[in-house]
Amino acid sequence: REQLKLIDAMQRLGIAYHFEGEIEQTLNQIFNNRHLQEADDDNLLLISALRFRLLREHGYNASSDVFNKFKASQSSFKEVEAVHDLLGLYEAAYLGVHGEDILDEALYFT
């Protein structure tokens, strides 16, 4: 979790290019162990969205299915009280590709 937040902060500050190798190594490790991390972060929308967004931004084929567990039913997402969770979902939704209906739903929801 903390590694994802650190990478995100470095990108937002514009200093990530100084740490490209370390970031790539960390994201590769996260991608290869995602099944373990997804189980740990089962109900954390912000972390799931951040992981999805960072992996997609760096060219990894992250699955949008990770967002299914945040849906209340087949048609809508669960209510979210934390604004940062909504913002994370909103940012992640823009990295969808054609046919990823769940990300279209996420964009509409946010």
PDB file of N, CA and C in Angstrom:
ATOM      1  N   ARG A   1       0.819  -1.201   0.000  1.00  0.00           N
ATOM      2  CA  ARG A   1       0.000   0.000   0.000  1.00  0.00           C
ATOM      3  C   ARG A   1       0.859   1.260   0.000  1.00  0.00           C
ATOM      4  N   GLU A   2       1.808   1.287   0.896  1.00  0.00           N
ATOM      5  CA  GLU A   2       2.648   2.482   1.015  1.00  0.00           C
ATOM      6  C   GLU A   2       3.478   2.708  -0.244  1.00  0.00           C
ATOM      7  N   GLN A   3       3.914   1.621  -0.876  1.00  0.00           N
ATOM      8  CA  GLN A   3       4.691   1.751  -2.109  1.00  0.00           C
ATOM      9  C   GLN A   3       3.851   2.396  -3.202  1.00  0.00           C
ATOM     10  N   LEU A   4       2.591   2.004  -3.297  1.00  0.00           N
ATOM     11  CA  LEU A   4       1.702   2.589  -4.297  1.00  0.00           C
ATOM     12  C   LEU A   4       1.510   4.077  -4.044  1.00  0.00           C
ATOM     13  N   LYS A   5       1.298   4.427  -2.792  1.00  0.00           N
ATOM     14  CA  LYS A   5       1.104   5.838  -2.440  1.00  0.00           C
ATOM     15  C   LYS A   5       2.358   6.654  -2.719  1.00  0.00           C
ATOM     16  N   LEU A   6       3.519   6.074  -2.460  1.00  0.00           N
ATOM     17  CA  LEU A   6       4.780   6.765  -2.713  1.00  0.00           C
ATOM     18  C   LEU A   6       4.993   6.989  -4.207  1.00  0.00           C
ATOM     19  N   ILE A   7       4.747   5.978  -5.018  1.00  0.00           N
ATOM     20  CA  ILE A   7       4.889   6.125  -6.471  1.00  0.00           C
ATOM     21  C   ILE A   7       3.931   7.190  -6.986  1.00  0.00           C
ATOM     22  N   ASP A   8       2.701   7.165  -6.505  1.00  0.00           N
ATOM     23  CA  ASP A   8       1.712   8.163  -6.913  1.00  0.00           C
ATOM     24  C   ASP A   8       2.168   9.569  -6.537  1.00  0.00           C
ATOM     25  N   ALA A   9       2.670   9.731  -5.331  1.00  0.00           N
ATOM     26  CA  ALA A   9       3.140  11.045  -4.874  1.00  0.00           C
ATOM     27  C   ALA A   9       4.315  11.533  -5.718  1.00  0.00           C
ATOM     28  N   MET A  10       5.254  10.639  -6.032  1.00  0.00           N
ATOM     29  CA  MET A  10       6.402  11.029  -6.855  1.00  0.00           C
ATOM     30  C   MET A  10       5.956  11.455  -8.251  1.00  0.00           C
ATOM     31  N   GLN A  11       4.979  10.757  -8.814  1.00  0.00           N
ATOM     32  CA  GLN A  11       4.477  11.135 -10.132  1.00  0.00           C
ATOM     33  C   GLN A  11       3.795  12.495 -10.082  1.00  0.00           C
ATOM     34  N   ARG A  12       2.999  12.713  -9.066  1.00  0.00           N
ATOM     35  CA  ARG A  12       2.284  13.990  -8.951  1.00  0.00           C
ATOM     36  C   ARG A  12       3.242  15.161  -8.718  1.00  0.00           C
ATOM     37  N   LEU A  13       4.360  14.898  -8.043  1.00  0.00           N
ATOM     38  CA  LEU A  13       5.361  15.942  -7.798  1.00  0.00           C
ATOM     39  C   LEU A  13       6.293  16.154  -8.991  1.00  0.00           C
ATOM     40  N   GLY A  14       6.241  15.246  -9.955  1.00  0.00           N
ATOM     41  CA  GLY A  14       7.076  15.383 -11.138  1.00  0.00           C
ATOM     42  C   GLY A  14       8.513  14.931 -10.951  1.00  0.00           C
ATOM     43  N   ILE A  15       8.762  14.095  -9.962  1.00  0.00           N
ATOM     44  CA  ILE A  15      10.133  13.634  -9.717  1.00  0.00           C
ATOM     45  C   ILE A  15      10.304  12.142 -10.003  1.00  0.00           C
ATOM     46  N   ALA A  16       9.283  11.513 -10.525  1.00  0.00           N
ATOM     47  CA  ALA A  16       9.320  10.065 -10.748  1.00  0.00           C
ATOM     48  C   ALA A  16      10.403   9.661 -11.739  1.00  0.00           C
ATOM     49  N   TYR A  17      10.748  10.551 -12.662  1.00  0.00           N
ATOM     50  CA  TYR A  17      11.761  10.196 -13.662  1.00  0.00           C
ATOM     51  C   TYR A  17      13.118   9.914 -13.022  1.00  0.00           C
ATOM     52  N   HIS A  18      13.357  10.436 -11.842  1.00  0.00           N
ATOM     53  CA  HIS A  18      14.607  10.159 -11.124  1.00  0.00           C
ATOM     54  C   HIS A  18      14.657   8.721 -10.595  1.00  0.00           C
ATOM     55  N   PHE A  19      13.498   8.096 -10.504  1.00  0.00           N
ATOM     56  CA  PHE A  19      13.397   6.777  -9.881  1.00  0.00           C
ATOM     57  C   PHE A  19      12.740   5.752 -10.807  1.00  0.00           C
ATOM     58  N   GLU A  20      12.908   5.925 -12.110  1.00  0.00           N
ATOM     59  CA  GLU A  20      12.229   5.047 -13.073  1.00  0.00           C
ATOM     60  C   GLU A  20      12.532   3.571 -12.839  1.00  0.00           C
ATOM     61  N   GLY A  21      13.784   3.240 -12.619  1.00  0.00           N
ATOM     62  CA  GLY A  21      14.162   1.840 -12.403  1.00  0.00           C
ATOM     63  C   GLY A  21      13.512   1.248 -11.173  1.00  0.00           C
ATOM     64  N   GLU A  22      13.551   1.983 -10.079  1.00  0.00           N
ATOM     65  CA  GLU A  22      12.962   1.504  -8.831  1.00  0.00           C
ATOM     66  C   GLU A  22      11.444   1.370  -8.950  1.00  0.00           C
ATOM     67  N   ILE A  23      10.826   2.341  -9.628  1.00  0.00           N
ATOM     68  CA  ILE A  23       9.372   2.306  -9.809  1.00  0.00           C
ATOM     69  C   ILE A  23       8.985   1.105 -10.655  1.00  0.00           C
ATOM     70  N   GLU A  24       9.696   0.892 -11.747  1.00  0.00           N
ATOM     71  CA  GLU A  24       9.392  -0.239 -12.626  1.00  0.00           C
ATOM     72  C   GLU A  24       9.575  -1.566 -11.894  1.00  0.00           C
ATOM     73  N   GLN A  25      10.626  -1.672 -11.116  1.00  0.00           N
ATOM     74  CA  GLN A  25      10.882  -2.892 -10.346  1.00  0.00           C
ATOM     75  C   GLN A  25       9.763  -3.132  -9.326  1.00  0.00           C
ATOM     76  N   THR A  26       9.352  -2.079  -8.651  1.00  0.00           N
ATOM     77  CA  THR A  26       8.288  -2.189  -7.650  1.00  0.00           C
ATOM     78  C   THR A  26       6.965  -2.569  -8.295  1.00  0.00           C
ATOM     79  N   LEU A  27       6.625  -1.921  -9.414  1.00  0.00           N
ATOM     80  CA  LEU A  27       5.367  -2.235 -10.089  1.00  0.00           C
ATOM     81  C   LEU A  27       5.377  -3.655 -10.655  1.00  0.00           C
ATOM     82  N   ASN A  28       6.514  -4.097 -11.133  1.00  0.00           N
ATOM     83  CA  ASN A  28       6.622  -5.467 -11.628  1.00  0.00           C
ATOM     84  C   ASN A  28       6.366  -6.459 -10.492  1.00  0.00           C
ATOM     85  N   GLN A  29       6.922  -6.161  -9.341  1.00  0.00           N
ATOM     86  CA  GLN A  29       6.715  -7.002  -8.158  1.00  0.00           C
ATOM     87  C   GLN A  29       5.240  -6.988  -7.738  1.00  0.00           C
ATOM     88  N   ILE A  30       4.630  -5.818  -7.762  1.00  0.00           N
ATOM     89  CA  ILE A  30       3.215  -5.686  -7.405  1.00  0.00           C
ATOM     90  C   ILE A  30       2.349  -6.456  -8.398  1.00  0.00           C
ATOM     91  N   PHE A  31       2.659  -6.329  -9.685  1.00  0.00           N
ATOM     92  CA  PHE A  31       1.879  -7.027 -10.708  1.00  0.00           C
ATOM     93  C   PHE A  31       1.999  -8.542 -10.556  1.00  0.00           C
ATOM     94  N   ASN A  32       3.194  -9.017 -10.311  1.00  0.00           N
ATOM     95  CA  ASN A  32       3.411 -10.458 -10.192  1.00  0.00           C
ATOM     96  C   ASN A  32       2.808 -11.050  -8.923  1.00  0.00           C
ATOM     97  N   ASN A  33       2.599 -10.229  -7.904  1.00  0.00           N
ATOM     98  CA  ASN A  33       2.022 -10.697  -6.635  1.00  0.00           C
ATOM     99  C   ASN A  33       0.639 -10.112  -6.381  1.00  0.00           C
ATOM    100  N   ARG A  34      -0.033  -9.668  -7.423  1.00  0.00           N
ATOM    101  CA  ARG A  34      -1.306  -8.959  -7.250  1.00  0.00           C
ATOM    102  C   ARG A  34      -2.381  -9.815  -6.587  1.00  0.00           C
ATOM    103  N   HIS A  35      -2.389 -11.113  -6.824  1.00  0.00           N
ATOM    104  CA  HIS A  35      -3.407 -11.972  -6.217  1.00  0.00           C
ATOM    105  C   HIS A  35      -3.291 -11.988  -4.692  1.00  0.00           C
ATOM    106  N   LEU A  36      -2.083 -11.878  -4.166  1.00  0.00           N
ATOM    107  CA  LEU A  36      -1.886 -11.819  -2.712  1.00  0.00           C
ATOM    108  C   LEU A  36      -2.320 -10.469  -2.163  1.00  0.00           C
ATOM    109  N   GLN A  37      -1.968  -9.410  -2.879  1.00  0.00           N
ATOM    110  CA  GLN A  37      -2.284  -8.064  -2.409  1.00  0.00           C
ATOM    111  C   GLN A  37      -3.772  -7.775  -2.506  1.00  0.00           C
ATOM    112  N   GLU A  38      -4.420  -8.272  -3.559  1.00  0.00           N
ATOM    113  CA  GLU A  38      -5.849  -8.032  -3.704  1.00  0.00           C
ATOM    114  C   GLU A  38      -6.626  -8.673  -2.568  1.00  0.00           C
ATOM    115  N   ALA A  39      -6.165  -9.801  -2.080  1.00  0.00           N
ATOM    116  CA  ALA A  39      -6.823 -10.456  -0.946  1.00  0.00           C
ATOM    117  C   ALA A  39      -6.660  -9.625   0.321  1.00  0.00           C
ATOM    118  N   ASP A  40      -5.481  -9.033   0.509  1.00  0.00           N
ATOM    119  CA  ASP A  40      -5.232  -8.197   1.687  1.00  0.00           C
ATOM    120  C   ASP A  40      -6.046  -6.909   1.656  1.00  0.00           C
ATOM    121  N   ASP A  41      -6.206  -6.340   0.478  1.00  0.00           N
ATOM    122  CA  ASP A  41      -6.877  -5.048   0.320  1.00  0.00           C
ATOM    123  C   ASP A  41      -8.303  -5.231  -0.186  1.00  0.00           C
ATOM    124  N   ASP A  42      -8.941  -6.284   0.254  1.00  0.00           N
ATOM    125  CA  ASP A  42     -10.215  -6.704  -0.302  1.00  0.00           C
ATOM    126  C   ASP A  42     -11.265  -5.604  -0.349  1.00  0.00           C
ATOM    127  N   ASN A  43     -11.348  -4.779   0.667  1.00  0.00           N
ATOM    128  CA  ASN A  43     -12.407  -3.777   0.706  1.00  0.00           C
ATOM    129  C   ASN A  43     -11.886  -2.348   0.657  1.00  0.00           C
ATOM    130  N   LEU A  44     -10.707  -2.150   0.139  1.00  0.00           N
ATOM    131  CA  LEU A  44     -10.127  -0.815   0.082  1.00  0.00           C
ATOM    132  C   LEU A  44     -10.178  -0.288  -1.349  1.00  0.00           C
ATOM    133  N   LEU A  45     -11.211   0.480  -1.635  1.00  0.00           N
ATOM    134  CA  LEU A  45     -11.412   0.995  -2.986  1.00  0.00           C
ATOM    135  C   LEU A  45     -10.251   1.861  -3.436  1.00  0.00           C
ATOM    136  N   LEU A  46      -9.777   2.733  -2.577  1.00  0.00           N
ATOM    137  CA  LEU A  46      -8.692   3.633  -2.960  1.00  0.00           C
ATOM    138  C   LEU A  46      -7.445   2.852  -3.366  1.00  0.00           C
ATOM    139  N   ILE A  47      -7.056   1.861  -2.593  1.00  0.00           N
ATOM    140  CA  ILE A  47      -5.851   1.078  -2.893  1.00  0.00           C
ATOM    141  C   ILE A  47      -6.045   0.263  -4.167  1.00  0.00           C
ATOM    142  N   SER A  48      -7.209  -0.335  -4.328  1.00  0.00           N
ATOM    143  CA  SER A  48      -7.480  -1.110  -5.543  1.00  0.00           C
ATOM    144  C   SER A  48      -7.440  -0.220  -6.778  1.00  0.00           C
ATOM    145  N   ALA A  49      -8.030   0.966  -6.680  1.00  0.00           N
ATOM    146  CA  ALA A  49      -8.039   1.901  -7.807  1.00  0.00           C
ATOM    147  C   ALA A  49      -6.636   2.426  -8.094  1.00  0.00           C
ATOM    148  N   LEU A  50      -5.886   2.709  -7.047  1.00  0.00           N
ATOM    149  CA  LEU A  50      -4.520   3.207  -7.220  1.00  0.00           C
ATOM    150  C   LEU A  50      -3.636   2.144  -7.871  1.00  0.00           C
ATOM    151  N   ARG A  51      -3.735   0.912  -7.402  1.00  0.00           N
ATOM    152  CA  ARG A  51      -2.959  -0.186  -7.993  1.00  0.00           C
ATOM    153  C   ARG A  51      -3.320  -0.344  -9.471  1.00  0.00           C
ATOM    154  N   PHE A  52      -4.614  -0.357  -9.771  1.00  0.00           N
ATOM    155  CA  PHE A  52      -5.073  -0.503 -11.152  1.00  0.00           C
ATOM    156  C   PHE A  52      -4.534   0.629 -12.024  1.00  0.00           C
ATOM    157  N   ARG A  53      -4.673   1.862 -11.544  1.00  0.00           N
ATOM    158  CA  ARG A  53      -4.249   3.026 -12.334  1.00  0.00           C
ATOM    159  C   ARG A  53      -2.751   3.029 -12.587  1.00  0.00           C
ATOM    160  N   LEU A  54      -1.967   2.813 -11.556  1.00  0.00           N
ATOM    161  CA  LEU A  54      -0.511   2.841 -11.729  1.00  0.00           C
ATOM    162  C   LEU A  54      -0.034   1.726 -12.658  1.00  0.00           C
ATOM    163  N   LEU A  55      -0.594   0.543 -12.506  1.00  0.00           N
ATOM    164  CA  LEU A  55      -0.200  -0.553 -13.386  1.00  0.00           C
ATOM    165  C   LEU A  55      -0.576  -0.256 -14.833  1.00  0.00           C
ATOM    166  N   ARG A  56      -1.772   0.257 -15.057  1.00  0.00           N
ATOM    167  CA  ARG A  56      -2.189   0.584 -16.424  1.00  0.00           C
ATOM    168  C   ARG A  56      -1.330   1.710 -17.007  1.00  0.00           C
ATOM    169  N   GLU A  57      -1.042   2.715 -16.210  1.00  0.00           N
ATOM    170  CA  GLU A  57      -0.217   3.828 -16.700  1.00  0.00           C
ATOM    171  C   GLU A  57       1.171   3.367 -17.126  1.00  0.00           C
ATOM    172  N   HIS A  58       1.651   2.306 -16.512  1.00  0.00           N
ATOM    173  CA  HIS A  58       2.993   1.808 -16.815  1.00  0.00           C
ATOM    174  C   HIS A  58       2.972   0.604 -17.756  1.00  0.00           C
ATOM    175  N   GLY A  59       1.836   0.383 -18.409  1.00  0.00           N
ATOM    176  CA  GLY A  59       1.762  -0.616 -19.467  1.00  0.00           C
ATOM    177  C   GLY A  59       1.423  -2.030 -19.056  1.00  0.00           C
ATOM    178  N   TYR A  60       1.055  -2.241 -17.817  1.00  0.00           N
ATOM    179  CA  TYR A  60       0.677  -3.584 -17.372  1.00  0.00           C
ATOM    180  C   TYR A  60      -0.787  -3.843 -17.707  1.00  0.00           C
ATOM    181  N   ASN A  61      -1.114  -5.085 -17.946  1.00  0.00           N
ATOM    182  CA  ASN A  61      -2.477  -5.469 -18.286  1.00  0.00           C
ATOM    183  C   ASN A  61      -3.257  -5.787 -17.006  1.00  0.00           C
ATOM    184  N   ALA A  62      -3.553  -4.774 -16.248  1.00  0.00           N
ATOM    185  CA  ALA A  62      -4.301  -4.944 -14.997  1.00  0.00           C
ATOM    186  C   ALA A  62      -5.775  -5.172 -15.323  1.00  0.00           C
ATOM    187  N   SER A  63      -6.383  -6.112 -14.645  1.00  0.00           N
ATOM    188  CA  SER A  63      -7.775  -6.461 -14.907  1.00  0.00           C
ATOM    189  C   SER A  63      -8.731  -5.496 -14.208  1.00  0.00           C
ATOM    190  N   SER A  64      -9.747  -5.080 -14.935  1.00  0.00           N
ATOM    191  CA  SER A  64     -10.763  -4.200 -14.353  1.00  0.00           C
ATOM    192  C   SER A  64     -11.738  -4.977 -13.472  1.00  0.00           C
ATOM    193  N   ASP A  65     -11.635  -6.293 -13.477  1.00  0.00           N
ATOM    194  CA  ASP A  65     -12.516  -7.117 -12.643  1.00  0.00           C
ATOM    195  C   ASP A  65     -12.335  -6.843 -11.155  1.00  0.00           C
ATOM    196  N   VAL A  66     -11.232  -6.224 -10.797  1.00  0.00           N
ATOM    197  CA  VAL A  66     -10.969  -5.912  -9.393  1.00  0.00           C
ATOM    198  C   VAL A  66     -12.069  -5.012  -8.807  1.00  0.00           C
ATOM    199  N   PHE A  67     -12.780  -4.278  -9.671  1.00  0.00           N
ATOM    200  CA  PHE A  67     -13.806  -3.351  -9.192  1.00  0.00           C
ATOM    201  C   PHE A  67     -15.163  -4.021  -8.978  1.00  0.00           C
ATOM    202  N   ASN A  68     -15.311  -5.256  -9.415  1.00  0.00           N
ATOM    203  CA  ASN A  68     -16.595  -5.954  -9.234  1.00  0.00           C
ATOM    204  C   ASN A  68     -16.981  -6.087  -7.766  1.00  0.00           C
ATOM    205  N   LYS A  69     -16.004  -6.241  -6.896  1.00  0.00           N
ATOM    206  CA  LYS A  69     -16.318  -6.431  -5.472  1.00  0.00           C
ATOM    207  C   LYS A  69     -16.844  -5.156  -4.811  1.00  0.00           C
ATOM    208  N   PHE A  70     -16.784  -4.038  -5.522  1.00  0.00           N
ATOM    209  CA  PHE A  70     -17.278  -2.776  -4.968  1.00  0.00           C
ATOM    210  C   PHE A  70     -18.670  -2.420  -5.488  1.00  0.00           C
ATOM    211  N   LYS A  71     -19.281  -3.360  -6.176  1.00  0.00           N
ATOM    212  CA  LYS A  71     -20.633  -3.136  -6.686  1.00  0.00           C
ATOM    213  C   LYS A  71     -21.649  -3.719  -5.718  1.00  0.00           C
ATOM    214  N   ALA A  72     -22.723  -2.991  -5.503  1.00  0.00           N
ATOM    215  CA  ALA A  72     -23.783  -3.450  -4.614  1.00  0.00           C
ATOM    216  C   ALA A  72     -24.670  -4.468  -5.323  1.00  0.00           C
ATOM    217  N   SER A  73     -24.810  -4.300  -6.615  1.00  0.00           N
ATOM    218  CA  SER A  73     -25.627  -5.212  -7.416  1.00  0.00           C
ATOM    219  C   SER A  73     -25.031  -5.264  -8.815  1.00  0.00           C
ATOM    220  N   GLN A  74     -25.727  -5.875  -9.725  1.00  0.00           N
ATOM    221  CA  GLN A  74     -25.236  -5.959 -11.100  1.00  0.00           C
ATOM    222  C   GLN A  74     -25.207  -4.593 -11.778  1.00  0.00           C
ATOM    223  N   SER A  75     -25.939  -3.638 -11.242  1.00  0.00           N
ATOM    224  CA  SER A  75     -26.079  -2.382 -11.971  1.00  0.00           C
ATOM    225  C   SER A  75     -25.436  -1.163 -11.321  1.00  0.00           C
ATOM    226  N   SER A  76     -25.061  -1.227 -10.064  1.00  0.00           N
ATOM    227  CA  SER A  76     -24.541  -0.008  -9.446  1.00  0.00           C
ATOM    228  C   SER A  76     -23.451  -0.300  -8.417  1.00  0.00           C
ATOM    229  N   PHE A  77     -22.627   0.708  -8.199  1.00  0.00           N
ATOM    230  CA  PHE A  77     -21.575   0.610  -7.193  1.00  0.00           C
ATOM    231  C   PHE A  77     -22.155   0.887  -5.816  1.00  0.00           C
ATOM    232  N   LYS A  78     -21.479   0.362  -4.798  1.00  0.00           N
ATOM    233  CA  LYS A  78     -21.876   0.633  -3.415  1.00  0.00           C
ATOM    234  C   LYS A  78     -21.656   2.111  -3.128  1.00  0.00           C
ATOM    235  N   GLU A  79     -22.456   2.641  -2.240  1.00  0.00           N
ATOM    236  CA  GLU A  79     -22.273   4.033  -1.840  1.00  0.00           C
ATOM    237  C   GLU A  79     -20.913   4.212  -1.181  1.00  0.00           C
ATOM    238  N   VAL A  80     -20.249   5.295  -1.521  1.00  0.00           N
ATOM    239  CA  VAL A  80     -18.919   5.583  -0.992  1.00  0.00           C
ATOM    240  C   VAL A  80     -18.979   6.912  -0.263  1.00  0.00           C
ATOM    241  N   GLU A  81     -18.519   6.926   0.979  1.00  0.00           N
ATOM    242  CA  GLU A  81     -18.547   8.162   1.756  1.00  0.00           C
ATOM    243  C   GLU A  81     -17.262   8.961   1.628  1.00  0.00           C
ATOM    244  N   ALA A  82     -16.152   8.286   1.466  1.00  0.00           N
ATOM    245  CA  ALA A  82     -14.858   8.972   1.422  1.00  0.00           C
ATOM    246  C   ALA A  82     -14.609   9.554   0.029  1.00  0.00           C
ATOM    247  N   VAL A  83     -14.347  10.839  -0.008  1.00  0.00           N
ATOM    248  CA  VAL A  83     -14.124  11.531  -1.274  1.00  0.00           C
ATOM    249  C   VAL A  83     -12.881  10.998  -1.980  1.00  0.00           C
ATOM    250  N   HIS A  84     -11.831  10.671  -1.219  1.00  0.00           N
ATOM    251  CA  HIS A  84     -10.610  10.185  -1.866  1.00  0.00           C
ATOM    252  C   HIS A  84     -10.830   8.826  -2.530  1.00  0.00           C
ATOM    253  N   ASP A  85     -11.759   8.020  -2.020  1.00  0.00           N
ATOM    254  CA  ASP A  85     -12.097   6.755  -2.684  1.00  0.00           C
ATOM    255  C   ASP A  85     -12.755   7.020  -4.033  1.00  0.00           C
ATOM    256  N   LEU A  86     -13.673   7.974  -4.056  1.00  0.00           N
ATOM    257  CA  LEU A  86     -14.337   8.339  -5.310  1.00  0.00           C
ATOM    258  C   LEU A  86     -13.351   8.907  -6.317  1.00  0.00           C
ATOM    259  N   LEU A  87     -12.451   9.739  -5.849  1.00  0.00           N
ATOM    260  CA  LEU A  87     -11.448  10.319  -6.741  1.00  0.00           C
ATOM    261  C   LEU A  87     -10.543   9.236  -7.319  1.00  0.00           C
ATOM    262  N   GLY A  88     -10.145   8.284  -6.502  1.00  0.00           N
ATOM    263  CA  GLY A  88      -9.323   7.175  -6.985  1.00  0.00           C
ATOM    264  C   GLY A  88     -10.043   6.366  -8.050  1.00  0.00           C
ATOM    265  N   LEU A  89     -11.317   6.085  -7.830  1.00  0.00           N
ATOM    266  CA  LEU A  89     -12.118   5.347  -8.807  1.00  0.00           C
ATOM    267  C   LEU A  89     -12.274   6.155 -10.094  1.00  0.00           C
ATOM    268  N   TYR A  90     -12.496   7.439  -9.959  1.00  0.00           N
ATOM    269  CA  TYR A  90     -12.644   8.336 -11.115  1.00  0.00           C
ATOM    270  C   TYR A  90     -11.374   8.345 -11.969  1.00  0.00           C
ATOM    271  N   GLU A  91     -10.223   8.474 -11.330  1.00  0.00           N
ATOM    272  CA  GLU A  91      -8.956   8.500 -12.066  1.00  0.00           C
ATOM    273  C   GLU A  91      -8.687   7.160 -12.742  1.00  0.00           C
ATOM    274  N   ALA A  92      -9.008   6.075 -12.067  1.00  0.00           N
ATOM    275  CA  ALA A  92      -8.793   4.741 -12.639  1.00  0.00           C
ATOM    276  C   ALA A  92      -9.719   4.486 -13.824  1.00  0.00           C
ATOM    277  N   ALA A  93     -10.931   5.001 -13.743  1.00  0.00           N
ATOM    278  CA  ALA A  93     -11.918   4.750 -14.795  1.00  0.00           C
ATOM    279  C   ALA A  93     -11.483   5.305 -16.145  1.00  0.00           C
ATOM    280  N   TYR A  94     -10.651   6.311 -16.156  1.00  0.00           N
ATOM    281  CA  TYR A  94     -10.191   6.894 -17.412  1.00  0.00           C
ATOM    282  C   TYR A  94      -9.156   6.032 -18.127  1.00  0.00           C
ATOM    283  N   LEU A  95      -8.708   4.976 -17.500  1.00  0.00           N
ATOM    284  CA  LEU A  95      -7.713   4.105 -18.124  1.00  0.00           C
ATOM    285  C   LEU A  95      -8.336   2.830 -18.681  1.00  0.00           C
ATOM    286  N   GLY A  96      -9.627   2.847 -18.839  1.00  0.00           N
ATOM    287  CA  GLY A  96     -10.310   1.694 -19.408  1.00  0.00           C
ATOM    288  C   GLY A  96     -10.169   1.653 -20.915  1.00  0.00           C
ATOM    289  N   VAL A  97     -10.393   0.481 -21.455  1.00  0.00           N
ATOM    290  CA  VAL A  97     -10.387   0.301 -22.902  1.00  0.00           C
ATOM    291  C   VAL A  97     -11.787  -0.119 -23.327  1.00  0.00           C
ATOM    292  N   HIS A  98     -12.017  -0.087 -24.614  1.00  0.00           N
ATOM    293  CA  HIS A  98     -13.329  -0.438 -25.154  1.00  0.00           C
ATOM    294  C   HIS A  98     -13.739  -1.836 -24.689  1.00  0.00           C
ATOM    295  N   GLY A  99     -14.944  -1.934 -24.188  1.00  0.00           N
ATOM    296  CA  GLY A  99     -15.459  -3.223 -23.741  1.00  0.00           C
ATOM    297  C   GLY A  99     -15.367  -3.452 -22.241  1.00  0.00           C
ATOM    298  N   GLU A 100     -14.712  -2.570 -21.523  1.00  0.00           N
ATOM    299  CA  GLU A 100     -14.641  -2.705 -20.064  1.00  0.00           C
ATOM    300  C   GLU A 100     -15.809  -1.929 -19.452  1.00  0.00           C
ATOM    301  N   ASP A 101     -16.946  -2.570 -19.462  1.00  0.00           N
ATOM    302  CA  ASP A 101     -18.180  -1.918 -19.023  1.00  0.00           C
ATOM    303  C   ASP A 101     -18.118  -1.448 -17.581  1.00  0.00           C
ATOM    304  N   ILE A 102     -17.423  -2.175 -16.745  1.00  0.00           N
ATOM    305  CA  ILE A 102     -17.362  -1.794 -15.333  1.00  0.00           C
ATOM    306  C   ILE A 102     -16.695  -0.433 -15.155  1.00  0.00           C
ATOM    307  N   LEU A 103     -15.732  -0.112 -16.011  1.00  0.00           N
ATOM    308  CA  LEU A 103     -15.080   1.196 -15.912  1.00  0.00           C
ATOM    309  C   LEU A 103     -15.983   2.295 -16.455  1.00  0.00           C
ATOM    310  N   ASP A 104     -16.798   1.978 -17.444  1.00  0.00           N
ATOM    311  CA  ASP A 104     -17.799   2.940 -17.908  1.00  0.00           C
ATOM    312  C   ASP A 104     -18.800   3.223 -16.792  1.00  0.00           C
ATOM    313  N   GLU A 105     -19.207   2.169 -16.093  1.00  0.00           N
ATOM    314  CA  GLU A 105     -20.125   2.327 -14.964  1.00  0.00           C
ATOM    315  C   GLU A 105     -19.474   3.141 -13.849  1.00  0.00           C
ATOM    316  N   ALA A 106     -18.200   2.894 -13.607  1.00  0.00           N
ATOM    317  CA  ALA A 106     -17.475   3.633 -12.567  1.00  0.00           C
ATOM    318  C   ALA A 106     -17.402   5.109 -12.911  1.00  0.00           C
ATOM    319  N   LEU A 107     -17.152   5.411 -14.172  1.00  0.00           N
ATOM    320  CA  LEU A 107     -17.077   6.806 -14.603  1.00  0.00           C
ATOM    321  C   LEU A 107     -18.431   7.487 -14.434  1.00  0.00           C
ATOM    322  N   TYR A 108     -19.486   6.803 -14.794  1.00  0.00           N
ATOM    323  CA  TYR A 108     -20.828   7.343 -14.628  1.00  0.00           C
ATOM    324  C   TYR A 108     -21.151   7.536 -13.147  1.00  0.00           C
ATOM    325  N   PHE A 109     -20.745   6.588 -12.320  1.00  0.00           N
ATOM    326  CA  PHE A 109     -21.012   6.633 -10.882  1.00  0.00           C
ATOM    327  C   PHE A 109     -20.325   7.816 -10.216  1.00  0.00           C
ATOM    328  N   THR A 110     -19.101   8.116 -10.656  1.00  0.00           N
ATOM    329  CA  THR A 110     -18.345   9.182 -10.012  1.00  0.00           C
ATOM    330  C   THR A 110     -18.747  10.517 -10.568  1.00  0.00           C
TER     331      THR A 110
END
